[in-house]
Structures are given as C-alpha cells and as structure tokens.
C-alpha cells in the first residue's frame, strides 16, 4: 500500500508542475497587457495635453486679435463708440429697473 500512495503523490506533483507553469504564463501575459494599457494611456494623455495646449494658444491668439481690432475701431470712431456705450448702458439700466 505504501508504494501506491507514494506513486499517487509523484503523479500529483508531476501534474501540478504544468498547471503552475500555465498560471505563471498567464500572469506574465496579464502583466504584459497591463503594461501595454498603461503605456497607451500615458501616450493618449500626452496627446490630449498637447492638443489642449494648441487649442488654448489658438484661442488666446484669437482673443488678442479681436481685442486689437476692437481697439482700432474705437480709435477710428470715438464718438460712435461713446454713443454705443451710452445706449448699451441706458438699455441695461432700463432692463434692470423692471
């Protein structure tokens, strides 16, 4: 009886080795996939930051250009500018009193 029990233990130990190897391989694949996902997320994040910065710069340039055009228009038409400012002020005052 002792030999059959020891033979069963050897069989169990030998059959466990491929399972352990398969588990190790699976964990290696998971680690590789996690690394790939992390790298992809980092790249996507950097690309998003760059695109956002480009849009911010375009918006700043557009605001500066609009401000410069407005300043030029006011300098070219000072009386019209004062009249428009007065009319807008009067309109807002009338709306706020209601």
PDB file of N, CA and C in Angstrom:
ATOM      1  N   UNK A   1       0.799  -1.195   0.000  1.00  0.00           N
ATOM      2  CA  UNK A   1       0.000   0.000   0.000  1.00  0.00           C
ATOM      3  C   UNK A   1       0.845   1.264   0.000  1.00  0.00           C
ATOM      4  N   UNK A   2       1.980   1.211   0.627  1.00  0.00           N
ATOM      5  CA  UNK A   2       2.846   2.378   0.713  1.00  0.00           C
ATOM      6  C   UNK A   2       3.330   2.791  -0.661  1.00  0.00           C
ATOM      7  N   UNK A   3       3.609   1.833  -1.526  1.00  0.00           N
ATOM      8  CA  UNK A   3       4.083   2.186  -2.859  1.00  0.00           C
ATOM      9  C   UNK A   3       2.988   2.824  -3.695  1.00  0.00           C
ATOM     10  N   UNK A   4       1.770   2.408  -3.562  1.00  0.00           N
ATOM     11  CA  UNK A   4       0.708   3.018  -4.363  1.00  0.00           C
ATOM     12  C   UNK A   4       0.438   4.449  -3.903  1.00  0.00           C
ATOM     13  N   UNK A   5       0.542   4.696  -2.585  1.00  0.00           N
ATOM     14  CA  UNK A   5       0.367   6.053  -2.081  1.00  0.00           C
ATOM     15  C   UNK A   5       1.503   6.943  -2.550  1.00  0.00           C
ATOM     16  N   UNK A   6       2.728   6.456  -2.497  1.00  0.00           N
ATOM     17  CA  UNK A   6       3.863   7.260  -2.951  1.00  0.00           C
ATOM     18  C   UNK A   6       3.793   7.478  -4.448  1.00  0.00           C
ATOM     19  N   UNK A   7       3.300   6.530  -5.217  1.00  0.00           N
ATOM     20  CA  UNK A   7       3.120   6.711  -6.661  1.00  0.00           C
ATOM     21  C   UNK A   7       2.065   7.780  -6.941  1.00  0.00           C
ATOM     22  N   UNK A   8       1.013   7.820  -6.143  1.00  0.00           N
ATOM     23  CA  UNK A   8      -0.030   8.836  -6.321  1.00  0.00           C
ATOM     24  C   UNK A   8       0.522  10.224  -6.019  1.00  0.00           C
ATOM     25  N   UNK A   9       1.385  10.341  -4.987  1.00  0.00           N
ATOM     26  CA  UNK A   9       1.989  11.623  -4.654  1.00  0.00           C
ATOM     27  C   UNK A   9       2.887  12.110  -5.784  1.00  0.00           C
ATOM     28  N   UNK A  10       3.637  11.217  -6.394  1.00  0.00           N
ATOM     29  CA  UNK A  10       4.512  11.574  -7.510  1.00  0.00           C
ATOM     30  C   UNK A  10       3.672  12.044  -8.687  1.00  0.00           C
ATOM     31  N   UNK A  11       2.588  11.349  -8.960  1.00  0.00           N
ATOM     32  CA  UNK A  11       1.706  11.728 -10.062  1.00  0.00           C
ATOM     33  C   UNK A  11       1.117  13.103  -9.799  1.00  0.00           C
ATOM     34  N   UNK A  12       0.670  13.349  -8.553  1.00  0.00           N
ATOM     35  CA  UNK A  12       0.096  14.653  -8.208  1.00  0.00           C
ATOM     36  C   UNK A  12       1.130  15.754  -8.355  1.00  0.00           C
ATOM     37  N   UNK A  13       2.371  15.508  -7.915  1.00  0.00           N
ATOM     38  CA  UNK A  13       3.417  16.525  -8.027  1.00  0.00           C
ATOM     39  C   UNK A  13       3.739  16.794  -9.485  1.00  0.00           C
ATOM     40  N   UNK A  14       3.814  15.774 -10.302  1.00  0.00           N
ATOM     41  CA  UNK A  14       4.132  15.936 -11.715  1.00  0.00           C
ATOM     42  C   UNK A  14       2.998  16.638 -12.466  1.00  0.00           C
ATOM     43  N   UNK A  15       1.759  16.388 -12.107  1.00  0.00           N
ATOM     44  CA  UNK A  15       0.643  17.027 -12.792  1.00  0.00           C
ATOM     45  C   UNK A  15       0.479  18.479 -12.338  1.00  0.00           C
ATOM     46  N   UNK A  16       0.987  18.839 -11.167  1.00  0.00           N
ATOM     47  CA  UNK A  16       0.882  20.208 -10.674  1.00  0.00           C
ATOM     48  C   UNK A  16       1.877  21.125 -11.382  1.00  0.00           C
ATOM     49  N   UNK A  17       2.992  20.606 -11.839  1.00  0.00           N
ATOM     50  CA  UNK A  17       4.018  21.423 -12.473  1.00  0.00           C
ATOM     51  C   UNK A  17       3.504  22.115 -13.736  1.00  0.00           C
ATOM     52  N   UNK A  18       2.819  21.429 -14.650  1.00  0.00           N
ATOM     53  CA  UNK A  18       2.297  22.122 -15.836  1.00  0.00           C
ATOM     54  C   UNK A  18       1.251  23.173 -15.484  1.00  0.00           C
ATOM     55  N   UNK A  19       0.452  22.904 -14.463  1.00  0.00           N
ATOM     56  CA  UNK A  19      -0.556  23.878 -14.044  1.00  0.00           C
ATOM     57  C   UNK A  19       0.126  25.129 -13.510  1.00  0.00           C
ATOM     58  N   UNK A  20       1.156  24.949 -12.670  1.00  0.00           N
ATOM     59  CA  UNK A  20       1.894  26.095 -12.138  1.00  0.00           C
ATOM     60  C   UNK A  20       2.536  26.889 -13.265  1.00  0.00           C
ATOM     61  N   UNK A  21       3.065  26.189 -14.252  1.00  0.00           N
ATOM     62  CA  UNK A  21       3.698  26.854 -15.393  1.00  0.00           C
ATOM     63  C   UNK A  21       2.646  27.628 -16.191  1.00  0.00           C
ATOM     64  N   UNK A  22       1.490  27.048 -16.371  1.00  0.00           N
ATOM     65  CA  UNK A  22       0.416  27.725 -17.100  1.00  0.00           C
ATOM     66  C   UNK A  22      -0.044  28.968 -16.356  1.00  0.00           C
ATOM     67  N   UNK A  23      -0.129  28.866 -15.047  1.00  0.00           N
ATOM     68  CA  UNK A  23      -0.523  30.026 -14.235  1.00  0.00           C
ATOM     69  C   UNK A  23       0.528  31.113 -14.343  1.00  0.00           C
ATOM     70  N   UNK A  24       1.797  30.747 -14.271  1.00  0.00           N
ATOM     71  CA  UNK A  24       2.873  31.733 -14.407  1.00  0.00           C
ATOM     72  C   UNK A  24       2.828  32.411 -15.778  1.00  0.00           C
ATOM     73  N   UNK A  25       2.579  31.627 -16.827  1.00  0.00           N
ATOM     74  CA  UNK A  25       2.477  32.193 -18.166  1.00  0.00           C
ATOM     75  C   UNK A  25       1.288  33.144 -18.271  1.00  0.00           C
ATOM     76  N   UNK A  26       0.194  32.780 -17.652  1.00  0.00           N
ATOM     77  CA  UNK A  26      -0.990  33.640 -17.675  1.00  0.00           C
ATOM     78  C   UNK A  26      -0.706  34.965 -16.963  1.00  0.00           C
ATOM     79  N   UNK A  27      -0.038  34.886 -15.816  1.00  0.00           N
ATOM     80  CA  UNK A  27       0.315  36.112 -15.101  1.00  0.00           C
ATOM     81  C   UNK A  27       1.275  36.970 -15.921  1.00  0.00           C
ATOM     82  N   UNK A  28       2.209  36.338 -16.632  1.00  0.00           N
ATOM     83  CA  UNK A  28       3.124  37.093 -17.484  1.00  0.00           C
ATOM     84  C   UNK A  28       2.367  37.816 -18.593  1.00  0.00           C
ATOM     85  N   UNK A  29       1.382  37.138 -19.185  1.00  0.00           N
ATOM     86  CA  UNK A  29       0.563  37.773 -20.220  1.00  0.00           C
ATOM     87  C   UNK A  29      -0.242  38.939 -19.642  1.00  0.00           C
ATOM     88  N   UNK A  30      -0.776  38.736 -18.458  1.00  0.00           N
ATOM     89  CA  UNK A  30      -1.550  39.807 -17.810  1.00  0.00           C
ATOM     90  C   UNK A  30      -0.661  40.996 -17.508  1.00  0.00           C
ATOM     91  N   UNK A  31       0.546  40.744 -17.000  1.00  0.00           N
ATOM     92  CA  UNK A  31       1.479  41.839 -16.714  1.00  0.00           C
ATOM     93  C   UNK A  31       1.836  42.587 -18.001  1.00  0.00           C
ATOM     94  N   UNK A  32       2.065  41.840 -19.073  1.00  0.00           N
ATOM     95  CA  UNK A  32       2.382  42.475 -20.352  1.00  0.00           C
ATOM     96  C   UNK A  32       1.225  43.317 -20.861  1.00  0.00           C
ATOM     97  N   UNK A  33       0.020  42.795 -20.729  1.00  0.00           N
ATOM     98  CA  UNK A  33      -1.159  43.541 -21.167  1.00  0.00           C
ATOM     99  C   UNK A  33      -1.348  44.798 -20.321  1.00  0.00           C
ATOM    100  N   UNK A  34      -1.144  44.669 -19.025  1.00  0.00           N
ATOM    101  CA  UNK A  34      -1.284  45.832 -18.139  1.00  0.00           C
ATOM    102  C   UNK A  34      -0.251  46.897 -18.491  1.00  0.00           C
ATOM    103  N   UNK A  35       0.944  46.457 -18.810  1.00  0.00           N
ATOM    104  CA  UNK A  35       1.995  47.398 -19.202  1.00  0.00           C
ATOM    105  C   UNK A  35       1.620  48.102 -20.502  1.00  0.00           C
ATOM    106  N   UNK A  36       1.068  47.360 -21.444  1.00  0.00           N
ATOM    107  CA  UNK A  36       0.653  47.949 -22.721  1.00  0.00           C
ATOM    108  C   UNK A  36      -0.480  48.956 -22.520  1.00  0.00           C
ATOM    109  N   UNK A  37      -1.417  48.626 -21.662  1.00  0.00           N
ATOM    110  CA  UNK A  37      -2.529  49.541 -21.376  1.00  0.00           C
ATOM    111  C   UNK A  37      -2.005  50.816 -20.712  1.00  0.00           C
ATOM    112  N   UNK A  38      -1.092  50.646 -19.778  1.00  0.00           N
ATOM    113  CA  UNK A  38      -0.516  51.809 -19.094  1.00  0.00           C
ATOM    114  C   UNK A  38       0.222  52.705 -20.082  1.00  0.00           C
ATOM    115  N   UNK A  39       0.990  52.107 -20.977  1.00  0.00           N
ATOM    116  CA  UNK A  39       1.734  52.870 -21.971  1.00  0.00           C
ATOM    117  C   UNK A  39       0.776  53.584 -22.927  1.00  0.00           C
ATOM    118  N   UNK A  40      -0.283  52.915 -23.338  1.00  0.00           N
ATOM    119  CA  UNK A  40      -1.266  53.526 -24.228  1.00  0.00           C
ATOM    120  C   UNK A  40      -1.971  54.698 -23.543  1.00  0.00           C
ATOM    121  N   UNK A  41      -2.307  54.535 -22.276  1.00  0.00           N
ATOM    122  CA  UNK A  41      -2.971  55.603 -21.525  1.00  0.00           C
ATOM    123  C   UNK A  41      -2.043  56.805 -21.366  1.00  0.00           C
ATOM    124  N   UNK A  42      -0.773  56.546 -21.122  1.00  0.00           N
ATOM    125  CA  UNK A  42       0.197  57.634 -20.985  1.00  0.00           C
ATOM    126  C   UNK A  42       0.327  58.397 -22.302  1.00  0.00           C
ATOM    127  N   UNK A  43       0.422  57.669 -23.401  1.00  0.00           N
ATOM    128  CA  UNK A  43       0.525  58.304 -24.714  1.00  0.00           C
ATOM    129  C   UNK A  43      -0.722  59.112 -25.036  1.00  0.00           C
ATOM    130  N   UNK A  44      -1.878  58.548 -24.756  1.00  0.00           N
ATOM    131  CA  UNK A  44      -3.139  59.253 -25.002  1.00  0.00           C
ATOM    132  C   UNK A  44      -3.222  60.521 -24.157  1.00  0.00           C
ATOM    133  N   UNK A  45      -2.798  60.426 -22.920  1.00  0.00           N
ATOM    134  CA  UNK A  45      -2.818  61.581 -22.027  1.00  0.00           C
ATOM    135  C   UNK A  45      -1.905  62.688 -22.553  1.00  0.00           C
ATOM    136  N   UNK A  46      -0.708  62.322 -22.974  1.00  0.00           N
ATOM    137  CA  UNK A  46       0.229  63.322 -23.510  1.00  0.00           C
ATOM    138  C   UNK A  46      -0.328  63.961 -24.777  1.00  0.00           C
ATOM    139  N   UNK A  47      -0.925  63.154 -25.647  1.00  0.00           N
ATOM    140  CA  UNK A  47      -1.506  63.700 -26.872  1.00  0.00           C
ATOM    141  C   UNK A  47      -2.663  64.643 -26.564  1.00  0.00           C
ATOM    142  N   UNK A  48      -3.474  64.297 -25.575  1.00  0.00           N
ATOM    143  CA  UNK A  48      -4.593  65.162 -25.185  1.00  0.00           C
ATOM    144  C   UNK A  48      -4.101  66.490 -24.632  1.00  0.00           C
ATOM    145  N   UNK A  49      -3.052  66.438 -23.826  1.00  0.00           N
ATOM    146  CA  UNK A  49      -2.489  67.666 -23.261  1.00  0.00           C
ATOM    147  C   UNK A  49      -1.947  68.548 -24.382  1.00  0.00           C
ATOM    148  N   UNK A  50      -1.246  67.944 -25.331  1.00  0.00           N
ATOM    149  CA  UNK A  50      -0.700  68.722 -26.442  1.00  0.00           C
ATOM    150  C   UNK A  50      -1.807  69.356 -27.275  1.00  0.00           C
ATOM    151  N   UNK A  51      -2.854  68.601 -27.573  1.00  0.00           N
ATOM    152  CA  UNK A  51      -3.969  69.133 -28.359  1.00  0.00           C
ATOM    153  C   UNK A  51      -4.676  70.260 -27.603  1.00  0.00           C
ATOM    154  N   UNK A  52      -4.832  70.089 -26.298  1.00  0.00           N
ATOM    155  CA  UNK A  52      -5.480  71.123 -25.484  1.00  0.00           C
ATOM    156  C   UNK A  52      -4.650  72.395 -25.461  1.00  0.00           C
ATOM    157  N   UNK A  53      -3.338  72.244 -25.329  1.00  0.00           N
ATOM    158  CA  UNK A  53      -2.453  73.420 -25.327  1.00  0.00           C
ATOM    159  C   UNK A  53      -2.503  74.147 -26.666  1.00  0.00           C
ATOM    160  N   UNK A  54      -2.559  73.398 -27.762  1.00  0.00           N
ATOM    161  CA  UNK A  54      -2.660  74.029 -29.079  1.00  0.00           C
ATOM    162  C   UNK A  54      -3.953  74.823 -29.205  1.00  0.00           C
ATOM    163  N   UNK A  55      -5.063  74.245 -28.753  1.00  0.00           N
ATOM    164  CA  UNK A  55      -6.347  74.946 -28.816  1.00  0.00           C
ATOM    165  C   UNK A  55      -6.347  76.187 -27.923  1.00  0.00           C
ATOM    166  N   UNK A  56      -5.710  76.079 -26.767  1.00  0.00           N
ATOM    167  CA  UNK A  56      -5.621  77.224 -25.861  1.00  0.00           C
ATOM    168  C   UNK A  56      -4.842  78.364 -26.508  1.00  0.00           C
ATOM    169  N   UNK A  57      -3.731  78.034 -27.149  1.00  0.00           N
ATOM    170  CA  UNK A  57      -2.940  79.064 -27.827  1.00  0.00           C
ATOM    171  C   UNK A  57      -3.724  79.709 -28.964  1.00  0.00           C
ATOM    172  N   UNK A  58      -4.463  78.904 -29.731  1.00  0.00           N
ATOM    173  CA  UNK A  58      -5.287  79.458 -30.808  1.00  0.00           C
ATOM    174  C   UNK A  58      -6.347  80.395 -30.251  1.00  0.00           C
ATOM    175  N   UNK A  59      -6.970  79.997 -29.137  1.00  0.00           N
ATOM    176  CA  UNK A  59      -7.980  80.838 -28.503  1.00  0.00           C
ATOM    177  C   UNK A  59      -7.400  82.144 -27.987  1.00  0.00           C
ATOM    178  N   UNK A  60      -6.213  82.079 -27.399  1.00  0.00           N
ATOM    179  CA  UNK A  60      -5.555  83.291 -26.913  1.00  0.00           C
ATOM    180  C   UNK A  60      -5.218  84.227 -28.068  1.00  0.00           C
ATOM    181  N   UNK A  61      -4.718  83.655 -29.163  1.00  0.00           N
ATOM    182  CA  UNK A  61      -4.395  84.476 -30.329  1.00  0.00           C
ATOM    183  C   UNK A  61      -5.641  85.141 -30.895  1.00  0.00           C
ATOM    184  N   UNK A  62      -6.745  84.400 -30.950  1.00  0.00           N
ATOM    185  CA  UNK A  62      -7.995  84.959 -31.469  1.00  0.00           C
ATOM    186  C   UNK A  62      -8.506  86.078 -30.558  1.00  0.00           C
ATOM    187  N   UNK A  63      -8.380  85.899 -29.252  1.00  0.00           N
ATOM    188  CA  UNK A  63      -8.836  86.934 -28.307  1.00  0.00           C
ATOM    189  C   UNK A  63      -7.989  88.196 -28.430  1.00  0.00           C
ATOM    190  N   UNK A  64      -6.693  88.010 -28.576  1.00  0.00           N
ATOM    191  CA  UNK A  64      -5.803  89.173 -28.726  1.00  0.00           C
ATOM    192  C   UNK A  64      -6.110  89.908 -30.021  1.00  0.00           C
ATOM    193  N   UNK A  65      -6.339  89.137 -31.100  1.00  0.00           N
ATOM    194  CA  UNK A  65      -6.657  89.755 -32.393  1.00  0.00           C
ATOM    195  C   UNK A  65      -7.976  90.520 -32.324  1.00  0.00           C
ATOM    196  N   UNK A  66      -8.989  89.938 -31.681  1.00  0.00           N
ATOM    197  CA  UNK A  66     -10.281  90.616 -31.548  1.00  0.00           C
ATOM    198  C   UNK A  66     -10.147  91.881 -30.703  1.00  0.00           C
ATOM    199  N   UNK A  67      -9.353  91.804 -29.655  1.00  0.00           N
ATOM    200  CA  UNK A  67      -9.142  92.974 -28.802  1.00  0.00           C
ATOM    201  C   UNK A  67      -8.442  94.092 -29.576  1.00  0.00           C
ATOM    202  N   UNK A  68      -7.457  93.727 -30.360  1.00  0.00           N
ATOM    203  CA  UNK A  68      -6.743  94.728 -31.161  1.00  0.00           C
ATOM    204  C   UNK A  68      -7.670  95.370 -32.200  1.00  0.00           C
ATOM    205  N   UNK A  69      -8.516  94.543 -32.850  1.00  0.00           N
ATOM    206  CA  UNK A  69      -9.457  95.089 -33.826  1.00  0.00           C
ATOM    207  C   UNK A  69     -10.451  96.030 -33.154  1.00  0.00           C
ATOM    208  N   UNK A  70     -10.915  95.637 -31.957  1.00  0.00           N
ATOM    209  CA  UNK A  70     -11.843  96.497 -31.220  1.00  0.00           C
ATOM    210  C   UNK A  70     -11.210  97.814 -30.835  1.00  0.00           C
ATOM    211  N   UNK A  71      -9.977  97.763 -30.396  1.00  0.00           N
ATOM    212  CA  UNK A  71      -9.262  98.997 -30.027  1.00  0.00           C
ATOM    213  C   UNK A  71      -9.078  99.905 -31.234  1.00  0.00           C
ATOM    214  N   UNK A  72      -8.741  99.310 -32.369  1.00  0.00           N
ATOM    215  CA  UNK A  72      -8.574 100.108 -33.591  1.00  0.00           C
ATOM    216  C   UNK A  72      -9.897 100.762 -33.993  1.00  0.00           C
ATOM    217  N   UNK A  73     -11.000  99.987 -33.910  1.00  0.00           N
ATOM    218  CA  UNK A  73     -12.304 100.512 -34.297  1.00  0.00           C
ATOM    219  C   UNK A  73     -12.688 101.685 -33.396  1.00  0.00           C
ATOM    220  N   UNK A  74     -12.413 101.556 -32.085  1.00  0.00           N
ATOM    221  CA  UNK A  74     -12.738 102.629 -31.140  1.00  0.00           C
ATOM    222  C   UNK A  74     -11.898 103.872 -31.429  1.00  0.00           C
ATOM    223  N   UNK A  75     -10.634 103.679 -31.757  1.00  0.00           N
ATOM    224  CA  UNK A  75      -9.758 104.830 -32.062  1.00  0.00           C
ATOM    225  C   UNK A  75     -10.192 105.525 -33.347  1.00  0.00           C
ATOM    226  N   UNK A  76     -10.678 104.757 -34.326  1.00  0.00           N
ATOM    227  CA  UNK A  76     -11.118 105.335 -35.594  1.00  0.00           C
ATOM    228  C   UNK A  76     -12.474 106.033 -35.465  1.00  0.00           C
ATOM    229  N   UNK A  77     -13.321 105.605 -34.537  1.00  0.00           N
ATOM    230  CA  UNK A  77     -14.678 106.155 -34.386  1.00  0.00           C
ATOM    231  C   UNK A  77     -14.968 106.455 -32.910  1.00  0.00           C
ATOM    232  N   UNK A  78     -14.322 107.443 -32.331  1.00  0.00           N
ATOM    233  CA  UNK A  78     -14.502 107.683 -30.893  1.00  0.00           C
ATOM    234  C   UNK A  78     -15.930 108.121 -30.529  1.00  0.00           C
ATOM    235  N   UNK A  79     -16.563 108.978 -31.333  1.00  0.00           N
ATOM    236  CA  UNK A  79     -17.905 109.447 -30.994  1.00  0.00           C
ATOM    237  C   UNK A  79     -18.950 108.323 -31.118  1.00  0.00           C
ATOM    238  N   UNK A  80     -18.792 107.506 -32.133  1.00  0.00           N
ATOM    239  CA  UNK A  80     -19.697 106.376 -32.311  1.00  0.00           C
ATOM    240  C   UNK A  80     -19.556 105.408 -31.135  1.00  0.00           C
ATOM    241  N   UNK A  81     -18.316 105.199 -30.697  1.00  0.00           N
ATOM    242  CA  UNK A  81     -18.062 104.292 -29.571  1.00  0.00           C
ATOM    243  C   UNK A  81     -18.722 104.793 -28.296  1.00  0.00           C
ATOM    244  N   UNK A  82     -18.606 106.103 -28.052  1.00  0.00           N
ATOM    245  CA  UNK A  82     -19.234 106.679 -26.855  1.00  0.00           C
ATOM    246  C   UNK A  82     -20.745 106.568 -26.960  1.00  0.00           C
ATOM    247  N   UNK A  83     -21.310 106.808 -28.129  1.00  0.00           N
ATOM    248  CA  UNK A  83     -22.756 106.713 -28.324  1.00  0.00           C
ATOM    249  C   UNK A  83     -23.249 105.283 -28.097  1.00  0.00           C
ATOM    250  N   UNK A  84     -22.515 104.310 -28.613  1.00  0.00           N
ATOM    251  CA  UNK A  84     -22.906 102.907 -28.423  1.00  0.00           C
ATOM    252  C   UNK A  84     -22.827 102.542 -26.941  1.00  0.00           C
ATOM    253  N   UNK A  85     -21.753 102.979 -26.273  1.00  0.00           N
ATOM    254  CA  UNK A  85     -21.598 102.675 -24.851  1.00  0.00           C
ATOM    255  C   UNK A  85     -22.743 103.290 -24.050  1.00  0.00           C
ATOM    256  N   UNK A  86     -23.126 104.529 -24.388  1.00  0.00           N
ATOM    257  CA  UNK A  86     -24.235 105.179 -23.694  1.00  0.00           C
ATOM    258  C   UNK A  86     -25.542 104.415 -23.924  1.00  0.00           C
ATOM    259  N   UNK A  87     -25.797 104.022 -25.166  1.00  0.00           N
ATOM    260  CA  UNK A  87     -27.034 103.317 -25.495  1.00  0.00           C
ATOM    261  C   UNK A  87     -27.109 101.968 -24.772  1.00  0.00           C
ATOM    262  N   UNK A  88     -26.014 101.252 -24.742  1.00  0.00           N
ATOM    263  CA  UNK A  88     -26.000  99.951 -24.052  1.00  0.00           C
ATOM    264  C   UNK A  88     -26.227 100.159 -22.558  1.00  0.00           C
ATOM    265  N   UNK A  89     -25.585 101.177 -21.986  1.00  0.00           N
ATOM    266  CA  UNK A  89     -25.778 101.469 -20.562  1.00  0.00           C
ATOM    267  C   UNK A  89     -27.214 101.829 -20.249  1.00  0.00           C
ATOM    268  N   UNK A  90     -27.823 102.640 -21.093  1.00  0.00           N
ATOM    269  CA  UNK A  90     -29.217 103.033 -20.879  1.00  0.00           C
ATOM    270  C   UNK A  90     -30.140 101.821 -21.009  1.00  0.00           C
ATOM    271  N   UNK A  91     -29.876 100.965 -21.981  1.00  0.00           N
ATOM    272  CA  UNK A  91     -30.687  99.770 -22.180  1.00  0.00           C
ATOM    273  C   UNK A  91     -30.588  98.843 -20.968  1.00  0.00           C
ATOM    274  N   UNK A  92     -29.388  98.605 -20.484  1.00  0.00           N
ATOM    275  CA  UNK A  92     -29.204  97.739 -19.311  1.00  0.00           C
ATOM    276  C   UNK A  92     -29.862  98.329 -18.069  1.00  0.00           C
ATOM    277  N   UNK A  93     -29.742  99.637 -17.910  1.00  0.00           N
ATOM    278  CA  UNK A  93     -30.375 100.289 -16.756  1.00  0.00           C
ATOM    279  C   UNK A  93     -31.900 100.117 -16.835  1.00  0.00           C
ATOM    280  N   UNK A  94     -32.460 100.311 -18.013  1.00  0.00           N
ATOM    281  CA  UNK A  94     -33.906 100.136 -18.187  1.00  0.00           C
ATOM    282  C   UNK A  94     -34.342  98.704 -17.908  1.00  0.00           C
ATOM    283  N   UNK A  95     -33.544  97.738 -18.335  1.00  0.00           N
ATOM    284  CA  UNK A  95     -33.895  96.334 -18.082  1.00  0.00           C
ATOM    285  C   UNK A  95     -33.804  95.957 -16.599  1.00  0.00           C
ATOM    286  N   UNK A  96     -32.860  96.526 -15.912  1.00  0.00           N
ATOM    287  CA  UNK A  96     -32.669  96.192 -14.503  1.00  0.00           C
ATOM    288  C   UNK A  96     -33.705  96.838 -13.609  1.00  0.00           C
ATOM    289  N   UNK A  97     -34.290  97.935 -14.023  1.00  0.00           N
ATOM    290  CA  UNK A  97     -35.318  98.587 -13.214  1.00  0.00           C
ATOM    291  C   UNK A  97     -36.637  97.818 -13.254  1.00  0.00           C
ATOM    292  N   UNK A  98     -36.872  97.055 -14.318  1.00  0.00           N
ATOM    293  CA  UNK A  98     -38.133  96.331 -14.446  1.00  0.00           C
ATOM    294  C   UNK A  98     -38.206  95.146 -13.565  1.00  0.00           C
TER     295      UNK A  98
END
